[in-house]
Amino acid sequence: MPLAARQEHLLNELRRSNGELSGQDLHARLRQGPHPMGLATVYRHLRQLQQLGLVRCRHLPSGEALYAPVERDEHHLTCVDCGSTTTLESCPVHGAHLSPAQLGGFKPLFHTLEFFGLCDACQQRQQAW
């Protein structure tokens, strides 16, 4: 299914980014360019691109959602205290095979993997209490 021009533009902006972007960040970038779109439109297209398996989303402990193209297969260690995030060098589940019986008709589009815990600095700070 071909993408609408706005979806294509939004996806290209995500691909140009060096990292994940929030919907607000993406909106700000697009607002300054030749193809501005409203914030609600940005979120609507992000949702549609997720449903097409072209964009992935992950949620920070703060509740903020970050978006990236699925070809950028990144997974993270996130501190629940300070919110710092470290990108894993490789995906420990990449290539995992799920049988048709396990999937039960489910069609996977993308996956995210996030470990939540305490970074070294927050552990040190808590031990000092």
C-alpha atoms as a PDB file:
ATOM      1  CA  MET A   1       0.000   0.000   0.000  1.00  0.00           C
ATOM      2  CA  PRO A   2       1.567   3.324  -1.029  1.00  0.00           C
ATOM      3  CA  LEU A   3       2.020   5.938   1.656  1.00  0.00           C
ATOM      4  CA  ALA A   4       0.279   9.296   1.609  1.00  0.00           C
ATOM      5  CA  ALA A   5       2.625  12.218   0.909  1.00  0.00           C
ATOM      6  CA  ARG A   6       2.436  13.437   4.530  1.00  0.00           C
ATOM      7  CA  GLN A   7       3.183   9.955   5.871  1.00  0.00           C
ATOM      8  CA  GLU A   8       6.179   9.668   3.569  1.00  0.00           C
ATOM      9  CA  HIS A   9       7.451  13.077   4.642  1.00  0.00           C
ATOM     10  CA  LEU A  10       7.045  12.218   8.330  1.00  0.00           C
ATOM     11  CA  LEU A  11       8.819   8.864   7.892  1.00  0.00           C
ATOM     12  CA  ASN A  12      11.682  10.538   6.018  1.00  0.00           C
ATOM     13  CA  GLU A  13      12.071  13.051   8.851  1.00  0.00           C
ATOM     14  CA  LEU A  14      12.324  10.184  11.352  1.00  0.00           C
ATOM     15  CA  ARG A  15      14.928   8.486   9.160  1.00  0.00           C
ATOM     16  CA  ARG A  16      16.995  11.713   8.986  1.00  0.00           C
ATOM     17  CA  SER A  17      17.067  11.975  12.767  1.00  0.00           C
ATOM     18  CA  ASN A  18      20.072  10.614  14.645  1.00  0.00           C
ATOM     19  CA  GLY A  19      17.833   9.252  17.396  1.00  0.00           C
ATOM     20  CA  GLU A  20      14.285   8.734  18.487  1.00  0.00           C
ATOM     21  CA  LEU A  21      11.898  11.674  18.414  1.00  0.00           C
ATOM     22  CA  SER A  22       8.842  12.511  20.455  1.00  0.00           C
ATOM     23  CA  GLY A  23       5.708  13.561  18.615  1.00  0.00           C
ATOM     24  CA  GLN A  24       6.322  17.111  19.866  1.00  0.00           C
ATOM     25  CA  ASP A  25       9.911  17.107  18.531  1.00  0.00           C
ATOM     26  CA  LEU A  26       8.762  15.767  15.183  1.00  0.00           C
ATOM     27  CA  HIS A  27       6.003  18.379  15.028  1.00  0.00           C
ATOM     28  CA  ALA A  28       8.530  21.163  15.721  1.00  0.00           C
ATOM     29  CA  ARG A  29      10.844  19.915  12.952  1.00  0.00           C
ATOM     30  CA  LEU A  30       8.006  19.661  10.443  1.00  0.00           C
ATOM     31  CA  ARG A  31       6.530  23.022  11.426  1.00  0.00           C
ATOM     32  CA  GLN A  32       9.771  24.742  10.354  1.00  0.00           C
ATOM     33  CA  GLY A  33      10.019  22.889   7.042  1.00  0.00           C
ATOM     34  CA  PRO A  34       8.247  23.087   3.685  1.00  0.00           C
ATOM     35  CA  HIS A  35       5.543  20.567   4.717  1.00  0.00           C
ATOM     36  CA  PRO A  36       4.153  21.716   8.083  1.00  0.00           C
ATOM     37  CA  MET A  37       1.404  19.722   9.769  1.00  0.00           C
ATOM     38  CA  GLY A  38      -0.530  20.073  12.985  1.00  0.00           C
ATOM     39  CA  LEU A  39       0.326  18.121  16.117  1.00  0.00           C
ATOM     40  CA  ALA A  40      -2.825  15.974  15.916  1.00  0.00           C
ATOM     41  CA  THR A  41      -1.960  15.120  12.309  1.00  0.00           C
ATOM     42  CA  VAL A  42       1.578  14.132  13.309  1.00  0.00           C
ATOM     43  CA  TYR A  43       0.248  11.732  15.959  1.00  0.00           C
ATOM     44  CA  ARG A  44      -2.403  10.331  13.602  1.00  0.00           C
ATOM     45  CA  HIS A  45       0.224   9.595  10.929  1.00  0.00           C
ATOM     46  CA  LEU A  46       2.616   8.110  13.503  1.00  0.00           C
ATOM     47  CA  ARG A  47      -0.140   5.725  14.585  1.00  0.00           C
ATOM     48  CA  GLN A  48      -0.885   4.779  10.976  1.00  0.00           C
ATOM     49  CA  LEU A  49       2.812   4.195  10.264  1.00  0.00           C
ATOM     50  CA  GLN A  50       2.995   1.962  13.347  1.00  0.00           C
ATOM     51  CA  GLN A  51       0.030  -0.038  12.065  1.00  0.00           C
ATOM     52  CA  LEU A  52       1.868  -0.486   8.762  1.00  0.00           C
ATOM     53  CA  GLY A  53       4.955  -1.759  10.614  1.00  0.00           C
ATOM     54  CA  LEU A  54       7.141   1.165   9.508  1.00  0.00           C
ATOM     55  CA  VAL A  55       7.512   3.042  12.816  1.00  0.00           C
ATOM     56  CA  ARG A  56       8.111   1.741  16.336  1.00  0.00           C
ATOM     57  CA  CYS A  57       7.266   3.472  19.576  1.00  0.00           C
ATOM     58  CA  ARG A  58       8.630   3.087  23.079  1.00  0.00           C
ATOM     59  CA  HIS A  59       7.484   4.747  26.277  1.00  0.00           C
ATOM     60  CA  LEU A  60       9.796   6.275  28.859  1.00  0.00           C
ATOM     61  CA  PRO A  61       9.044   5.981  32.606  1.00  0.00           C
ATOM     62  CA  SER A  62       7.819   9.599  32.386  1.00  0.00           C
ATOM     63  CA  GLY A  63       5.129   8.450  29.936  1.00  0.00           C
ATOM     64  CA  GLU A  64       6.697  10.231  26.967  1.00  0.00           C
ATOM     65  CA  ALA A  65       6.507   8.260  23.717  1.00  0.00           C
ATOM     66  CA  LEU A  66       9.520   8.169  21.395  1.00  0.00           C
ATOM     67  CA  TYR A  67       9.331   7.140  17.742  1.00  0.00           C
ATOM     68  CA  ALA A  68      11.842   5.746  15.252  1.00  0.00           C
ATOM     69  CA  PRO A  69      11.735   3.869  11.955  1.00  0.00           C
ATOM     70  CA  VAL A  70      11.657   0.086  12.502  1.00  0.00           C
ATOM     71  CA  GLU A  71      14.830  -0.445  10.490  1.00  0.00           C
ATOM     72  CA  ARG A  72      16.668   1.260  13.354  1.00  0.00           C
ATOM     73  CA  ASP A  73      16.612  -1.830  15.586  1.00  0.00           C
ATOM     74  CA  GLU A  74      17.525  -0.266  18.932  1.00  0.00           C
ATOM     75  CA  HIS A  75      16.784  -1.536  22.402  1.00  0.00           C
ATOM     76  CA  HIS A  76      17.484   0.122  25.718  1.00  0.00           C
ATOM     77  CA  LEU A  77      18.399   0.025  29.380  1.00  0.00           C
ATOM     78  CA  THR A  78      16.375   2.725  31.136  1.00  0.00           C
ATOM     79  CA  CYS A  79      16.882   3.974  34.688  1.00  0.00           C
ATOM     80  CA  VAL A  80      13.581   4.327  36.552  1.00  0.00           C
ATOM     81  CA  ASP A  81      15.127   6.907  38.895  1.00  0.00           C
ATOM     82  CA  CYS A  82      16.888   9.481  36.701  1.00  0.00           C
ATOM     83  CA  GLY A  83      15.401   8.413  33.334  1.00  0.00           C
ATOM     84  CA  SER A  84      18.755   7.953  31.599  1.00  0.00           C
ATOM     85  CA  THR A  85      18.729   5.553  28.671  1.00  0.00           C
ATOM     86  CA  THR A  86      21.546   3.452  27.249  1.00  0.00           C
ATOM     87  CA  THR A  87      21.219   1.789  23.858  1.00  0.00           C
ATOM     88  CA  LEU A  88      22.105  -1.913  23.755  1.00  0.00           C
ATOM     89  CA  GLU A  89      24.772  -2.766  21.193  1.00  0.00           C
ATOM     90  CA  SER A  90      22.781  -5.709  19.838  1.00  0.00           C
ATOM     91  CA  CYS A  91      19.305  -7.125  20.103  1.00  0.00           C
ATOM     92  CA  PRO A  92      19.257 -10.262  22.264  1.00  0.00           C
ATOM     93  CA  VAL A  93      16.024 -11.470  20.662  1.00  0.00           C
ATOM     94  CA  HIS A  94      16.872 -10.657  17.042  1.00  0.00           C
ATOM     95  CA  GLY A  95      16.241 -13.750  14.981  1.00  0.00           C
ATOM     96  CA  ALA A  96      14.035 -15.375  17.615  1.00  0.00           C
ATOM     97  CA  HIS A  97      11.606 -17.651  15.850  1.00  0.00           C
ATOM     98  CA  LEU A  98       7.964 -17.811  16.857  1.00  0.00           C
ATOM     99  CA  SER A  99       6.046 -20.730  15.425  1.00  0.00           C
ATOM    100  CA  PRO A 100       2.668 -20.249  13.767  1.00  0.00           C
ATOM    101  CA  ALA A 101       1.127 -22.090  16.736  1.00  0.00           C
ATOM    102  CA  GLN A 102       2.685 -19.595  19.170  1.00  0.00           C
ATOM    103  CA  LEU A 103       1.497 -16.675  17.053  1.00  0.00           C
ATOM    104  CA  GLY A 104      -2.060 -17.974  16.759  1.00  0.00           C
ATOM    105  CA  GLY A 105      -2.767 -15.868  13.673  1.00  0.00           C
ATOM    106  CA  PHE A 106      -1.009 -12.789  15.081  1.00  0.00           C
ATOM    107  CA  LYS A 107       1.066 -10.881  12.489  1.00  0.00           C
ATOM    108  CA  PRO A 108       4.198  -9.342  14.079  1.00  0.00           C
ATOM    109  CA  LEU A 109       5.174  -5.946  12.638  1.00  0.00           C
ATOM    110  CA  PHE A 110       8.055  -4.939  14.940  1.00  0.00           C
ATOM    111  CA  HIS A 111       9.312  -5.489  18.458  1.00  0.00           C
ATOM    112  CA  THR A 112      10.736  -3.388  21.238  1.00  0.00           C
ATOM    113  CA  LEU A 113      12.851  -4.543  24.140  1.00  0.00           C
ATOM    114  CA  GLU A 114      13.417  -2.393  27.175  1.00  0.00           C
ATOM    115  CA  PHE A 115      15.037  -3.228  30.477  1.00  0.00           C
ATOM    116  CA  PHE A 116      14.112  -1.014  33.425  1.00  0.00           C
ATOM    117  CA  GLY A 117      16.277  -0.693  36.521  1.00  0.00           C
ATOM    118  CA  LEU A 118      18.789   1.576  38.221  1.00  0.00           C
ATOM    119  CA  CYS A 119      21.854   3.053  36.531  1.00  0.00           C
ATOM    120  CA  ASP A 120      25.194   2.936  38.334  1.00  0.00           C
ATOM    121  CA  ALA A 121      24.989   6.584  39.458  1.00  0.00           C
ATOM    122  CA  CYS A 122      21.527   6.109  40.993  1.00  0.00           C
ATOM    123  CA  GLN A 123      22.633   2.898  42.715  1.00  0.00           C
ATOM    124  CA  GLN A 124      25.607   4.752  44.213  1.00  0.00           C
ATOM    125  CA  ARG A 125      23.392   7.619  45.348  1.00  0.00           C
ATOM    126  CA  GLN A 126      20.892   5.246  46.960  1.00  0.00           C
ATOM    127  CA  GLN A 127      23.645   3.340  48.783  1.00  0.00           C
ATOM    128  CA  ALA A 128      24.836   6.636  50.273  1.00  0.00           C
ATOM    129  CA  TRP A 129      21.487   7.118  52.054  1.00  0.00           C
END
